[in-house]
C-alpha atoms as a PDB file:
ATOM      1  CA  MET A   1      -0.075   0.249   0.247  1.00  0.00           C
ATOM      2  CA  THR A   2       1.211   3.367  -0.859  1.00  0.00           C
ATOM      3  CA  ARG A   3       2.129   5.321   2.203  1.00  0.00           C
ATOM      4  CA  THR A   4       2.807   9.516   2.235  1.00  0.00           C
ATOM      5  CA  ARG A   5       4.275  10.716   5.324  1.00  0.00           C
ATOM      6  CA  SER A   6       5.820  14.044   6.176  1.00  0.00           C
ATOM      7  CA  SER A   7       8.992  14.563   7.540  1.00  0.00           C
ATOM      8  CA  GLY A   8      10.280  17.041  10.255  1.00  0.00           C
ATOM      9  CA  GLY A   9      13.136  17.378  12.041  1.00  0.00           C
ATOM     10  CA  ARG A  10      14.055  16.075  15.858  1.00  0.00           C
ATOM     11  CA  GLY A  11      10.492  16.367  18.110  1.00  0.00           C
ATOM     12  CA  GLY A  12       8.519  17.220  14.924  1.00  0.00           C
ATOM     13  CA  ARG A  13       5.548  15.000  14.298  1.00  0.00           C
ATOM     14  CA  THR A  14       5.057  12.547  11.802  1.00  0.00           C
ATOM     15  CA  ARG A  15       1.571  12.367   9.916  1.00  0.00           C
ATOM     16  CA  LEU A  16       1.007   8.874   8.027  1.00  0.00           C
ATOM     17  CA  VAL A  17      -1.854   9.014   5.420  1.00  0.00           C
ATOM     18  CA  LEU A  18      -2.866   5.348   3.534  1.00  0.00           C
ATOM     19  CA  VAL A  19      -3.760   6.216   0.221  1.00  0.00           C
ATOM     20  CA  ALA A  20      -6.016   2.911  -0.578  1.00  0.00           C
ATOM     21  CA  ALA A  21      -6.942   4.368  -3.774  1.00  0.00           C
ATOM     22  CA  ALA A  22      -3.805   4.922  -5.239  1.00  0.00           C
ATOM     23  CA  ALA A  23      -2.177   1.748  -3.936  1.00  0.00           C
ATOM     24  CA  LEU A  24      -5.125  -0.344  -5.604  1.00  0.00           C
ATOM     25  CA  VAL A  25      -4.924   1.699  -9.224  1.00  0.00           C
ATOM     26  CA  GLY A  26      -0.573   0.784  -8.849  1.00  0.00           C
ATOM     27  CA  LEU A  27      -1.403  -2.719  -8.172  1.00  0.00           C
ATOM     28  CA  ALA A  28      -3.896  -2.849 -11.031  1.00  0.00           C
ATOM     29  CA  VAL A  29      -1.334  -1.610 -13.124  1.00  0.00           C
ATOM     30  CA  THR A  30       1.245  -3.907 -11.913  1.00  0.00           C
ATOM     31  CA  GLY A  31      -0.780  -6.963 -12.352  1.00  0.00           C
ATOM     32  CA  MET A  32      -1.475  -5.873 -15.982  1.00  0.00           C
ATOM     33  CA  LEU A  33       2.220  -5.653 -16.593  1.00  0.00           C
ATOM     34  CA  SER A  34       2.725  -9.057 -15.090  1.00  0.00           C
ATOM     35  CA  GLY A  35       0.044 -10.713 -16.922  1.00  0.00           C
ATOM     36  CA  PHE A  36      -1.741 -11.995 -14.242  1.00  0.00           C
ATOM     37  CA  HIS A  37       0.076 -15.264 -14.657  1.00  0.00           C
ATOM     38  CA  LEU A  38       2.274 -14.854 -11.516  1.00  0.00           C
ATOM     39  CA  PRO A  39       1.207 -13.894  -7.806  1.00  0.00           C
ATOM     40  CA  LEU A  40       2.891 -10.250  -6.977  1.00  0.00           C
ATOM     41  CA  GLN A  41       5.992 -10.897  -4.709  1.00  0.00           C
ATOM     42  CA  PRO A  42       7.303  -7.448  -3.500  1.00  0.00           C
ATOM     43  CA  ILE A  43      10.818  -7.472  -2.092  1.00  0.00           C
ATOM     44  CA  GLU A  44      10.047  -7.695   1.518  1.00  0.00           C
ATOM     45  CA  PRO A  45      13.762  -8.239   3.274  1.00  0.00           C
ATOM     46  CA  ASP A  46      13.829  -9.570   7.118  1.00  0.00           C
ATOM     47  CA  ALA A  47      15.341  -7.209   9.490  1.00  0.00           C
ATOM     48  CA  ALA A  48      18.994  -9.125   8.827  1.00  0.00           C
ATOM     49  CA  GLU A  49      18.945  -8.577   5.109  1.00  0.00           C
ATOM     50  CA  SER A  50      17.569  -5.072   5.020  1.00  0.00           C
ATOM     51  CA  ARG A  51      20.362  -3.676   7.716  1.00  0.00           C
ATOM     52  CA  SER A  52      22.853  -1.277   6.256  1.00  0.00           C
ATOM     53  CA  GLU A  53      26.439  -1.439   4.934  1.00  0.00           C
ATOM     54  CA  LEU A  54      27.229   1.115   7.656  1.00  0.00           C
ATOM     55  CA  ALA A  55      27.745  -1.165  10.453  1.00  0.00           C
ATOM     56  CA  SER A  56      29.138   1.032  12.885  1.00  0.00           C
ATOM     57  CA  VAL A  57      26.706   2.403  15.768  1.00  0.00           C
ATOM     58  CA  VAL A  58      28.789   5.335  16.110  1.00  0.00           C
ATOM     59  CA  PRO A  59      26.866   8.192  14.514  1.00  0.00           C
ATOM     60  CA  ILE A  60      29.313   9.275  11.261  1.00  0.00           C
ATOM     61  CA  GLY A  61      28.620   9.942   7.628  1.00  0.00           C
ATOM     62  CA  ILE A  62      24.696  10.164   6.928  1.00  0.00           C
ATOM     63  CA  ARG A  63      23.661   9.118  10.634  1.00  0.00           C
ATOM     64  CA  THR A  64      24.909  12.844  11.333  1.00  0.00           C
ATOM     65  CA  PHE A  65      22.058  14.328   9.086  1.00  0.00           C
ATOM     66  CA  GLU A  66      18.869  15.462  10.633  1.00  0.00           C
ATOM     67  CA  ALA A  67      16.167  16.244   8.045  1.00  0.00           C
ATOM     68  CA  PRO A  68      14.446  19.657   8.259  1.00  0.00           C
ATOM     69  CA  ALA A  69      10.351  20.099   8.027  1.00  0.00           C
ATOM     70  CA  GLY A  70       8.776  20.499   4.828  1.00  0.00           C
ATOM     71  CA  LEU A  71       9.640  17.251   3.053  1.00  0.00           C
ATOM     72  CA  VAL A  72       7.088  14.197   1.998  1.00  0.00           C
ATOM     73  CA  VAL A  73       7.910  10.791   1.479  1.00  0.00           C
ATOM     74  CA  ASP A  74       5.916   8.475  -0.856  1.00  0.00           C
ATOM     75  CA  GLU A  75       6.570   4.895  -0.083  1.00  0.00           C
ATOM     76  CA  ASP A  76       6.225   1.617  -1.633  1.00  0.00           C
ATOM     77  CA  LEU A  77       5.399   3.047  -5.484  1.00  0.00           C
ATOM     78  CA  PRO A  78       5.555  -0.069  -7.696  1.00  0.00           C
ATOM     79  CA  TYR A  79       7.486   0.763 -10.543  1.00  0.00           C
ATOM     80  CA  GLY A  80       7.938  -2.920 -12.476  1.00  0.00           C
ATOM     81  CA  VAL A  81       7.124  -6.300 -11.969  1.00  0.00           C
ATOM     82  CA  ARG A  82       9.691  -8.934 -13.212  1.00  0.00           C
ATOM     83  CA  GLU A  83       8.895 -12.345 -15.109  1.00  0.00           C
ATOM     84  CA  ASP A  84       8.960 -14.103 -11.523  1.00  0.00           C
ATOM     85  CA  GLY A  85       6.206 -12.346 -10.037  1.00  0.00           C
ATOM     86  CA  THR A  86       8.843  -9.856  -8.397  1.00  0.00           C
ATOM     87  CA  LEU A  87       7.463  -6.387  -7.440  1.00  0.00           C
ATOM     88  CA  LEU A  88       9.614  -3.722  -7.773  1.00  0.00           C
ATOM     89  CA  THR A  89       8.929  -0.592  -5.340  1.00  0.00           C
ATOM     90  CA  LEU A  90      10.467   2.598  -4.548  1.00  0.00           C
ATOM     91  CA  ASP A  91      10.205   5.544  -2.279  1.00  0.00           C
ATOM     92  CA  VAL A  92      10.092   9.116  -3.291  1.00  0.00           C
ATOM     93  CA  CYS A  93      11.482  11.803  -1.229  1.00  0.00           C
ATOM     94  CA  ARG A  94      10.546  15.260  -2.289  1.00  0.00           C
ATOM     95  CA  PRO A  95      10.222  19.033  -1.188  1.00  0.00           C
ATOM     96  CA  ALA A  96       6.501  19.383  -0.135  1.00  0.00           C
ATOM     97  CA  ASP A  97       6.138  21.855  -3.146  1.00  0.00           C
ATOM     98  CA  ALA A  98       7.236  19.273  -5.745  1.00  0.00           C
ATOM     99  CA  VAL A  99       3.978  18.204  -6.644  1.00  0.00           C
ATOM    100  CA  GLY A 100       2.617  18.666 -10.137  1.00  0.00           C
ATOM    101  CA  SER A 101       4.676  22.019 -10.495  1.00  0.00           C
ATOM    102  CA  ALA A 102       7.845  22.788  -8.001  1.00  0.00           C
ATOM    103  CA  SER A 103       8.148  26.479  -6.888  1.00  0.00           C
ATOM    104  CA  SER A 104      11.242  28.485  -6.296  1.00  0.00           C
ATOM    105  CA  THR A 105      13.334  25.403  -4.784  1.00  0.00           C
ATOM    106  CA  GLU A 106      16.718  25.623  -5.761  1.00  0.00           C
ATOM    107  CA  GLY A 107      17.287  23.803  -8.773  1.00  0.00           C
ATOM    108  CA  THR A 108      14.004  24.461 -10.636  1.00  0.00           C
ATOM    109  CA  ASP A 109      13.997  24.862 -13.954  1.00  0.00           C
ATOM    110  CA  ALA A 110      12.523  28.280 -14.555  1.00  0.00           C
ATOM    111  CA  ALA A 111      10.805  27.193 -17.762  1.00  0.00           C
ATOM    112  CA  THR A 112       9.215  24.482 -16.751  1.00  0.00           C
ATOM    113  CA  GLY A 113       8.879  24.518 -12.863  1.00  0.00           C
ATOM    114  CA  ALA A 114      10.146  21.144 -12.684  1.00  0.00           C
ATOM    115  CA  LEU A 115      12.468  19.564 -10.206  1.00  0.00           C
ATOM    116  CA  PRO A 116      15.752  17.641 -10.833  1.00  0.00           C
ATOM    117  CA  ALA A 117      15.758  14.024  -9.766  1.00  0.00           C
ATOM    118  CA  VAL A 118      18.602  11.384  -7.966  1.00  0.00           C
ATOM    119  CA  VAL A 119      17.847   7.773  -8.150  1.00  0.00           C
ATOM    120  CA  SER A 120      19.129   6.570  -4.802  1.00  0.00           C
ATOM    121  CA  ILE A 121      20.661   2.811  -4.891  1.00  0.00           C
ATOM    122  CA  HIS A 122      21.308   1.134  -1.373  1.00  0.00           C
ATOM    123  CA  GLY A 123      24.378  -0.848  -1.021  1.00  0.00           C
ATOM    124  CA  GLY A 124      24.651  -3.833   0.867  1.00  0.00           C
ATOM    125  CA  SER A 125      26.767  -6.461  -1.267  1.00  0.00           C
ATOM    126  CA  TRP A 126      24.111  -6.686  -3.877  1.00  0.00           C
ATOM    127  CA  ALA A 127      22.806  -9.106  -1.557  1.00  0.00           C
ATOM    128  CA  ARG A 128      21.067  -7.356   1.186  1.00  0.00           C
ATOM    129  CA  GLY A 129      19.784  -3.310   2.550  1.00  0.00           C
ATOM    130  CA  ASP A 130      16.777  -1.870   1.581  1.00  0.00           C
ATOM    131  CA  LYS A 131      15.533   1.384   0.652  1.00  0.00           C
ATOM    132  CA  ALA A 132      14.113   2.335   3.677  1.00  0.00           C
ATOM    133  CA  ASN A 133      16.638   1.163   6.153  1.00  0.00           C
ATOM    134  CA  ALA A 134      17.604   3.984   8.651  1.00  0.00           C
ATOM    135  CA  ASP A 135      20.308   5.034   6.681  1.00  0.00           C
ATOM    136  CA  TRP A 136      19.385   5.254   3.198  1.00  0.00           C
ATOM    137  CA  ARG A 137      16.025   6.945   4.308  1.00  0.00           C
ATOM    138  CA  ASN A 138      18.377   9.330   5.639  1.00  0.00           C
ATOM    139  CA  VAL A 139      20.003   9.538   2.223  1.00  0.00           C
ATOM    140  CA  CYS A 140      16.866  10.124   0.629  1.00  0.00           C
ATOM    141  CA  LEU A 141      15.535  13.110   2.776  1.00  0.00           C
ATOM    142  CA  TRP A 142      19.080  14.307   2.302  1.00  0.00           C
ATOM    143  CA  LEU A 143      18.696  14.653  -1.382  1.00  0.00           C
ATOM    144  CA  ALA A 144      15.303  15.876  -1.054  1.00  0.00           C
ATOM    145  CA  SER A 145      16.266  18.616   1.451  1.00  0.00           C
ATOM    146  CA  GLU A 146      18.790  19.823  -1.283  1.00  0.00           C
ATOM    147  CA  GLY A 147      15.755  20.097  -3.482  1.00  0.00           C
ATOM    148  CA  PHE A 148      16.022  17.162  -5.415  1.00  0.00           C
ATOM    149  CA  VAL A 149      13.258  14.382  -5.963  1.00  0.00           C
ATOM    150  CA  ALA A 150      14.979  11.622  -4.940  1.00  0.00           C
ATOM    151  CA  ALA A 151      13.763   8.185  -5.539  1.00  0.00           C
ATOM    152  CA  SER A 152      14.794   5.741  -3.332  1.00  0.00           C
ATOM    153  CA  VAL A 153      14.776   1.920  -5.261  1.00  0.00           C
ATOM    154  CA  ASN A 154      15.001  -1.434  -4.212  1.00  0.00           C
ATOM    155  CA  TYR A 155      16.139  -4.076  -6.398  1.00  0.00           C
ATOM    156  CA  ARG A 156      16.249  -7.785  -6.915  1.00  0.00           C
ATOM    157  CA  LEU A 157      18.988  -9.291  -4.778  1.00  0.00           C
ATOM    158  CA  VAL A 158      21.639 -12.405  -4.877  1.00  0.00           C
ATOM    159  CA  PRO A 159      20.948 -15.131  -4.701  1.00  0.00           C
ATOM    160  CA  ASP A 160      17.610 -14.986  -6.266  1.00  0.00           C
ATOM    161  CA  ALA A 161      19.007 -12.996  -8.787  1.00  0.00           C
ATOM    162  CA  VAL A 162      22.394 -12.474 -10.632  1.00  0.00           C
ATOM    163  CA  PHE A 163      23.729  -9.591 -12.721  1.00  0.00           C
ATOM    164  CA  PRO A 164      22.525  -7.977 -14.642  1.00  0.00           C
ATOM    165  CA  ALA A 165      18.816  -8.293 -12.441  1.00  0.00           C
ATOM    166  CA  GLN A 166      20.030  -5.763 -10.533  1.00  0.00           C
ATOM    167  CA  LEU A 167      21.391  -3.432 -13.211  1.00  0.00           C
ATOM    168  CA  ASP A 168      18.070  -3.877 -15.161  1.00  0.00           C
ATOM    169  CA  ASP A 169      15.832  -3.119 -12.406  1.00  0.00           C
ATOM    170  CA  VAL A 170      17.373   0.226 -11.319  1.00  0.00           C
ATOM    171  CA  ALA A 171      17.646   1.095 -15.019  1.00  0.00           C
ATOM    172  CA  LEU A 172      13.592   0.432 -15.287  1.00  0.00           C
ATOM    173  CA  ALA A 173      13.216   2.788 -12.026  1.00  0.00           C
ATOM    174  CA  VAL A 174      14.642   5.787 -14.203  1.00  0.00           C
ATOM    175  CA  GLU A 175      12.333   4.999 -17.434  1.00  0.00           C
ATOM    176  CA  TRP A 176       9.890   4.754 -14.699  1.00  0.00           C
ATOM    177  CA  LEU A 177      10.247   8.394 -13.524  1.00  0.00           C
ATOM    178  CA  ARG A 178      10.021   9.496 -17.060  1.00  0.00           C
ATOM    179  CA  GLU A 179       6.718   8.407 -17.675  1.00  0.00           C
ATOM    180  CA  PRO A 180       4.099  11.187 -17.942  1.00  0.00           C
ATOM    181  CA  GLU A 181       1.993  10.173 -15.050  1.00  0.00           C
ATOM    182  CA  GLN A 182       5.714  10.594 -12.601  1.00  0.00           C
ATOM    183  CA  LEU A 183       6.697  13.842 -14.221  1.00  0.00           C
ATOM    184  CA  ALA A 184       3.437  14.956 -13.103  1.00  0.00           C
ATOM    185  CA  GLU A 185       2.786  13.533  -9.953  1.00  0.00           C
ATOM    186  CA  PHE A 186       6.448  14.484  -8.467  1.00  0.00           C
ATOM    187  CA  GLY A 187       7.362  17.752 -10.930  1.00  0.00           C
ATOM    188  CA  ILE A 188      10.428  16.079 -12.397  1.00  0.00           C
ATOM    189  CA  ASP A 189      12.268  17.193 -14.982  1.00  0.00           C
ATOM    190  CA  PRO A 190      13.090  14.541 -17.280  1.00  0.00           C
ATOM    191  CA  GLY A 191      16.575  15.717 -18.727  1.00  0.00           C
ATOM    192  CA  ARG A 192      17.763  16.242 -15.185  1.00  0.00           C
ATOM    193  CA  ILE A 193      17.664  12.530 -13.640  1.00  0.00           C
ATOM    194  CA  GLY A 194      20.987  11.710 -12.045  1.00  0.00           C
ATOM    195  CA  ALA A 195      21.944   8.684  -9.738  1.00  0.00           C
ATOM    196  CA  PHE A 196      23.652   8.194  -6.216  1.00  0.00           C
ATOM    197  CA  GLY A 197      24.614   5.031  -4.941  1.00  0.00           C
ATOM    198  CA  GLY A 198      27.064   3.903  -2.024  1.00  0.00           C
ATOM    199  CA  SER A 199      29.004   0.506  -2.180  1.00  0.00           C
ATOM    200  CA  ALA A 200      27.022  -2.155  -4.196  1.00  0.00           C
ATOM    201  CA  GLY A 201      24.875   0.307  -5.224  1.00  0.00           C
ATOM    202  CA  GLY A 202      27.946   2.701  -6.446  1.00  0.00           C
ATOM    203  CA  SER A 203      28.623  -0.071  -8.353  1.00  0.00           C
ATOM    204  CA  LEU A 204      25.054   0.051  -9.780  1.00  0.00           C
ATOM    205  CA  ALA A 205      25.228   3.591 -10.024  1.00  0.00           C
ATOM    206  CA  ALA A 206      28.562   3.876 -12.195  1.00  0.00           C
ATOM    207  CA  LEU A 207      27.088   1.193 -14.470  1.00  0.00           C
ATOM    208  CA  LEU A 208      23.848   3.304 -15.159  1.00  0.00           C
ATOM    209  CA  GLY A 209      26.066   5.982 -15.997  1.00  0.00           C
ATOM    210  CA  ALA A 210      27.805   4.564 -18.464  1.00  0.00           C
ATOM    211  CA  ARG A 211      25.384   2.120 -20.140  1.00  0.00           C
ATOM    212  CA  GLY A 212      24.346   3.056 -23.441  1.00  0.00           C
ATOM    213  CA  ASP A 213      25.522   6.122 -25.217  1.00  0.00           C
ATOM    214  CA  GLY A 214      24.065   9.230 -26.590  1.00  0.00           C
ATOM    215  CA  PRO A 215      21.765  11.898 -25.180  1.00  0.00           C
ATOM    216  CA  LEU A 216      21.084  11.662 -21.379  1.00  0.00           C
ATOM    217  CA  ASP A 217      17.764  12.888 -21.146  1.00  0.00           C
ATOM    218  CA  THR A 218      15.867   9.599 -22.733  1.00  0.00           C
ATOM    219  CA  GLY A 219      15.275   5.871 -21.820  1.00  0.00           C
ATOM    220  CA  SER A 220      17.682   4.953 -18.471  1.00  0.00           C
ATOM    221  CA  ARG A 221      20.172   7.429 -19.420  1.00  0.00           C
ATOM    222  CA  VAL A 222      21.062   9.840 -16.341  1.00  0.00           C
ATOM    223  CA  ALA A 223      22.922  13.130 -16.314  1.00  0.00           C
ATOM    224  CA  ALA A 224      25.025  12.690 -13.271  1.00  0.00           C
ATOM    225  CA  VAL A 225      26.412   9.931 -11.493  1.00  0.00           C
ATOM    226  CA  ALA A 226      27.936  10.292  -7.714  1.00  0.00           C
ATOM    227  CA  GLU A 227      28.819   7.115  -6.028  1.00  0.00           C
ATOM    228  CA  LEU A 228      30.951   6.300  -2.810  1.00  0.00           C
ATOM    229  CA  SER A 229      32.988   3.217  -2.078  1.00  0.00           C
ATOM    230  CA  GLY A 230      31.788   1.357  -5.530  1.00  0.00           C
ATOM    231  CA  PRO A 231      33.542  -1.970  -6.537  1.00  0.00           C
ATOM    232  CA  VAL A 232      33.758  -0.975 -10.076  1.00  0.00           C
ATOM    233  CA  GLY A 233      36.342  -3.252 -11.810  1.00  0.00           C
ATOM    234  CA  LEU A 234      35.167  -6.725 -11.306  1.00  0.00           C
ATOM    235  CA  THR A 235      37.406  -8.688 -13.634  1.00  0.00           C
ATOM    236  CA  GLY A 236      39.690 -11.232 -12.332  1.00  0.00           C
ATOM    237  CA  PRO A 237      42.725  -8.377 -13.518  1.00  0.00           C
ATOM    238  CA  ALA A 238      41.209  -5.591 -11.800  1.00  0.00           C
ATOM    239  CA  LEU A 239      40.625  -7.659  -8.730  1.00  0.00           C
ATOM    240  CA  ASP A 240      44.539  -8.952  -8.620  1.00  0.00           C
ATOM    241  CA  THR A 241      45.540  -5.617  -9.198  1.00  0.00           C
ATOM    242  CA  ASP A 242      44.062  -4.253  -6.608  1.00  0.00           C
ATOM    243  CA  GLY A 243      45.015  -6.598  -4.173  1.00  0.00           C
ATOM    244  CA  ALA A 244      40.925  -7.584  -3.451  1.00  0.00           C
ATOM    245  CA  SER A 245      40.064  -9.518  -0.386  1.00  0.00           C
ATOM    246  CA  PRO A 246      38.790 -13.021  -0.337  1.00  0.00           C
ATOM    247  CA  TRP A 247      35.482 -11.179   0.715  1.00  0.00           C
ATOM    248  CA  LEU A 248      35.336  -9.036  -2.173  1.00  0.00           C
ATOM    249  CA  ARG A 249      35.918 -11.592  -4.401  1.00  0.00           C
ATOM    250  CA  SER A 250      33.471 -14.160  -2.703  1.00  0.00           C
ATOM    251  CA  ILE A 251      30.319 -11.288  -2.715  1.00  0.00           C
ATOM    252  CA  VAL A 252      31.499 -10.506  -6.594  1.00  0.00           C
ATOM    253  CA  THR A 253      31.403 -14.413  -7.494  1.00  0.00           C
ATOM    254  CA  ASP A 254      27.992 -14.129  -5.802  1.00  0.00           C
ATOM    255  CA  TYR A 255      26.876 -11.096  -7.991  1.00  0.00           C
ATOM    256  CA  LEU A 256      28.308 -12.439 -11.215  1.00  0.00           C
ATOM    257  CA  GLY A 257      26.973 -15.738 -10.959  1.00  0.00           C
ATOM    258  CA  CYS A 258      30.718 -17.182 -12.048  1.00  0.00           C
ATOM    259  CA  ALA A 259      34.324 -16.799 -10.662  1.00  0.00           C
ATOM    260  CA  PRO A 260      35.448 -13.546 -11.955  1.00  0.00           C
ATOM    261  CA  GLY A 261      38.772 -15.257 -12.915  1.00  0.00           C
ATOM    262  CA  ASP A 262      37.097 -17.653 -15.110  1.00  0.00           C
ATOM    263  CA  ALA A 263      37.555 -17.338 -18.883  1.00  0.00           C
ATOM    264  CA  ALA A 264      34.320 -18.347 -19.522  1.00  0.00           C
ATOM    265  CA  CYS A 265      32.761 -15.552 -16.846  1.00  0.00           C
ATOM    266  CA  GLY A 266      31.619 -12.224 -19.754  1.00  0.00           C
ATOM    267  CA  ALA A 267      29.525 -10.793 -16.810  1.00  0.00           C
ATOM    268  CA  ALA A 268      32.799  -9.905 -15.003  1.00  0.00           C
ATOM    269  CA  ALA A 269      33.651  -7.415 -17.700  1.00  0.00           C
ATOM    270  CA  GLU A 270      30.027  -6.491 -18.321  1.00  0.00           C
ATOM    271  CA  ALA A 271      29.358  -5.549 -14.904  1.00  0.00           C
ATOM    272  CA  SER A 272      32.413  -3.098 -14.391  1.00  0.00           C
ATOM    273  CA  ALA A 273      31.506   0.340 -15.259  1.00  0.00           C
ATOM    274  CA  ALA A 274      34.895   0.994 -17.731  1.00  0.00           C
ATOM    275  CA  THR A 275      33.865  -1.590 -20.255  1.00  0.00           C
ATOM    276  CA  HIS A 276      30.988   0.887 -21.165  1.00  0.00           C
ATOM    277  CA  LEU A 277      32.497   3.969 -21.245  1.00  0.00           C
ATOM    278  CA  ASP A 278      32.350   6.491 -24.399  1.00  0.00           C
ATOM    279  CA  ALA A 279      32.459  10.404 -24.112  1.00  0.00           C
ATOM    280  CA  SER A 280      28.452  10.693 -24.518  1.00  0.00           C
ATOM    281  CA  ASP A 281      28.477   9.604 -20.391  1.00  0.00           C
ATOM    282  CA  PRO A 282      27.841  11.583 -17.843  1.00  0.00           C
ATOM    283  CA  PRO A 283      30.099  13.756 -15.326  1.00  0.00           C
ATOM    284  CA  VAL A 284      30.903  11.335 -12.135  1.00  0.00           C
ATOM    285  CA  PHE A 285      31.400  12.133  -8.743  1.00  0.00           C
ATOM    286  CA  LEU A 286      33.613   9.311  -6.898  1.00  0.00           C
ATOM    287  CA  ALA A 287      34.801   8.858  -3.243  1.00  0.00           C
ATOM    288  CA  GLN A 288      36.197   6.426  -0.565  1.00  0.00           C
ATOM    289  CA  SER A 289      38.174   6.016   2.395  1.00  0.00           C
ATOM    290  CA  ASP A 290      41.753   5.408   1.911  1.00  0.00           C
ATOM    291  CA  ALA A 291      42.127   2.051   4.373  1.00  0.00           C
ATOM    292  CA  GLU A 292      38.465   0.897   3.693  1.00  0.00           C
ATOM    293  CA  VAL A 293      37.270  -2.628   2.348  1.00  0.00           C
ATOM    294  CA  ILE A 294      36.862  -1.736  -1.187  1.00  0.00           C
ATOM    295  CA  PRO A 295      40.689  -1.226  -2.749  1.00  0.00           C
ATOM    296  CA  LEU A 296      41.526   2.205  -3.318  1.00  0.00           C
ATOM    297  CA  GLY A 297      42.620   0.939  -6.457  1.00  0.00           C
ATOM    298  CA  GLN A 298      39.081   0.529  -7.366  1.00  0.00           C
ATOM    299  CA  GLN A 299      38.603   4.190  -7.456  1.00  0.00           C
ATOM    300  CA  THR A 300      41.971   5.236  -8.772  1.00  0.00           C
ATOM    301  CA  ALA A 301      41.597   3.151 -12.083  1.00  0.00           C
ATOM    302  CA  PHE A 302      38.133   4.003 -12.875  1.00  0.00           C
ATOM    303  CA  VAL A 303      39.243   7.611 -12.665  1.00  0.00           C
ATOM    304  CA  ALA A 304      42.121   7.067 -15.416  1.00  0.00           C
ATOM    305  CA  ALA A 305      39.066   5.290 -17.333  1.00  0.00           C
ATOM    306  CA  LEU A 306      37.086   8.138 -17.196  1.00  0.00           C
ATOM    307  CA  GLU A 307      39.392  10.344 -18.268  1.00  0.00           C
ATOM    308  CA  ALA A 308      40.839   8.506 -20.983  1.00  0.00           C
ATOM    309  CA  ALA A 309      37.191   8.273 -22.284  1.00  0.00           C
ATOM    310  CA  GLY A 310      36.867  11.880 -22.207  1.00  0.00           C
ATOM    311  CA  VAL A 311      34.078  11.714 -19.144  1.00  0.00           C
ATOM    312  CA  PRO A 312      34.453  14.552 -16.600  1.00  0.00           C
ATOM    313  CA  VAL A 313      35.415  13.229 -13.417  1.00  0.00           C
ATOM    314  CA  GLU A 314      35.791  14.567  -9.536  1.00  0.00           C
ATOM    315  CA  SER A 315      37.010  12.317  -7.432  1.00  0.00           C
ATOM    316  CA  LEU A 316      38.238  12.870  -3.881  1.00  0.00           C
ATOM    317  CA  VAL A 317      39.753  10.476  -0.783  1.00  0.00           C
ATOM    318  CA  VAL A 318      39.283  10.713   2.598  1.00  0.00           C
ATOM    319  CA  PRO A 319      41.713   9.577   5.313  1.00  0.00           C
ATOM    320  CA  GLY A 320      40.204   6.356   7.449  1.00  0.00           C
ATOM    321  CA  SER A 321      38.474   3.118   7.052  1.00  0.00           C
ATOM    322  CA  ALA A 322      34.759   4.263   7.352  1.00  0.00           C
ATOM    323  CA  HIS A 323      32.907   2.534   3.916  1.00  0.00           C
ATOM    324  CA  SER A 324      29.904   4.021   1.626  1.00  0.00           C
ATOM    325  CA  ILE A 325      27.556   6.590   3.386  1.00  0.00           C
ATOM    326  CA  GLY A 326      29.750   5.950   6.111  1.00  0.00           C
ATOM    327  CA  ILE A 327      31.809   9.095   4.783  1.00  0.00           C
ATOM    328  CA  LEU A 328      28.591  11.074   3.926  1.00  0.00           C
ATOM    329  CA  ASP A 329      29.325  13.690   6.977  1.00  0.00           C
ATOM    330  CA  ALA A 330      28.446  17.367   6.118  1.00  0.00           C
ATOM    331  CA  PRO A 331      31.338  18.118   4.539  1.00  0.00           C
ATOM    332  CA  MET A 332      30.673  15.345   1.923  1.00  0.00           C
ATOM    333  CA  ARG A 333      27.308  16.080   1.698  1.00  0.00           C
ATOM    334  CA  ALA A 334      27.993  19.484   0.721  1.00  0.00           C
ATOM    335  CA  ARG A 335      30.445  18.287  -2.001  1.00  0.00           C
ATOM    336  CA  VAL A 336      28.200  15.660  -3.522  1.00  0.00           C
ATOM    337  CA  ALA A 337      24.939  18.147  -3.470  1.00  0.00           C
ATOM    338  CA  ALA A 338      27.347  20.679  -5.210  1.00  0.00           C
ATOM    339  CA  PHE A 339      28.249  18.158  -7.912  1.00  0.00           C
ATOM    340  CA  LEU A 340      24.750  17.222  -8.695  1.00  0.00           C
ATOM    341  CA  HIS A 341      23.339  20.659  -8.783  1.00  0.00           C
ATOM    342  CA  ALA A 342      26.516  21.671 -11.027  1.00  0.00           C
ATOM    343  CA  ALA A 343      25.481  18.989 -12.937  1.00  0.00           C
ATOM    344  CA  LEU A 344      21.750  18.908 -13.564  1.00  0.00           C
ATOM    345  CA  ASP A 345      21.179  22.472 -13.114  1.00  0.00           C
ATOM    346  CA  GLY A 346      23.305  23.040 -16.244  1.00  0.00           C
ATOM    347  CA  VAL A 347      22.211  20.294 -18.026  1.00  0.00           C
ATOM    348  CA  VAL A 348      21.361  21.963 -22.119  1.00  0.00           C
ATOM    349  CA  ARG A 349      18.231  20.920 -23.356  1.00  0.00           C
END
């Protein structure tokens, strides 16, 4: 069922409104999409599967963010149905006035009254995580507080699905956002959609940006990519060069459905963003810690590949071992928001 709630700061009152009619319409549409041949099976991770990749109990990174008043969250919106009956859902976080036509919020297109959007892709080793766990809900609210319409996406997980299922799902979410109904409902500019992800979600965000070629305002193309701690080079040679740990090799193998060092594992190159780069791809922001679980060589090699392809890139390395949204503290949030605004607000259509 679709749930809309308003979000305020600490001590603020939260409203929960059940929109039964909208939920029934959404389920009817997804029922038609599935051809009624299988029962719908929403992705509903249990407590262990939905936990954040930010394991520390210390309030670092995104946990230092406190949502201001004036934000609205639309929960569990269906954006597609897969052949096995999996119902894909996302949450939309937005400024309260970003409905139909946005007002004078930063980033608003003066001609259309529409806002830029950002697809938010959670981490979790491609095998766990959830769009609405506390940390990724905070990411969604932070993006909305910066004037974006944020779509926090759930996608199919290992072991039930392997690459490219996860990439196909997040690409479908971008296509869904560009449908006329969503553009009108949330006040989105279809030419200004970006992607943000952390850890496994960062890998998917990078792939989403590199996937395809040509104009960035159609289909599943995005106009900006920001990713934190993403494992982006998944071939055997890349993992060997970077001194990847047994843990990283293990989760990559599970994600690909084959060992990246095997000659027959073509998915390893396909799941590596650098394989798909060309000069039409959007600008990219990358950041990670210098002593974390993802080898720094992953970011260094990807930056070199982006530069070689003529893709604008901004990279940042911070000291310590914090991973993914664990480095998304106030200064990093400012850097990422500035990058996204520069990329999306400056899009020429």
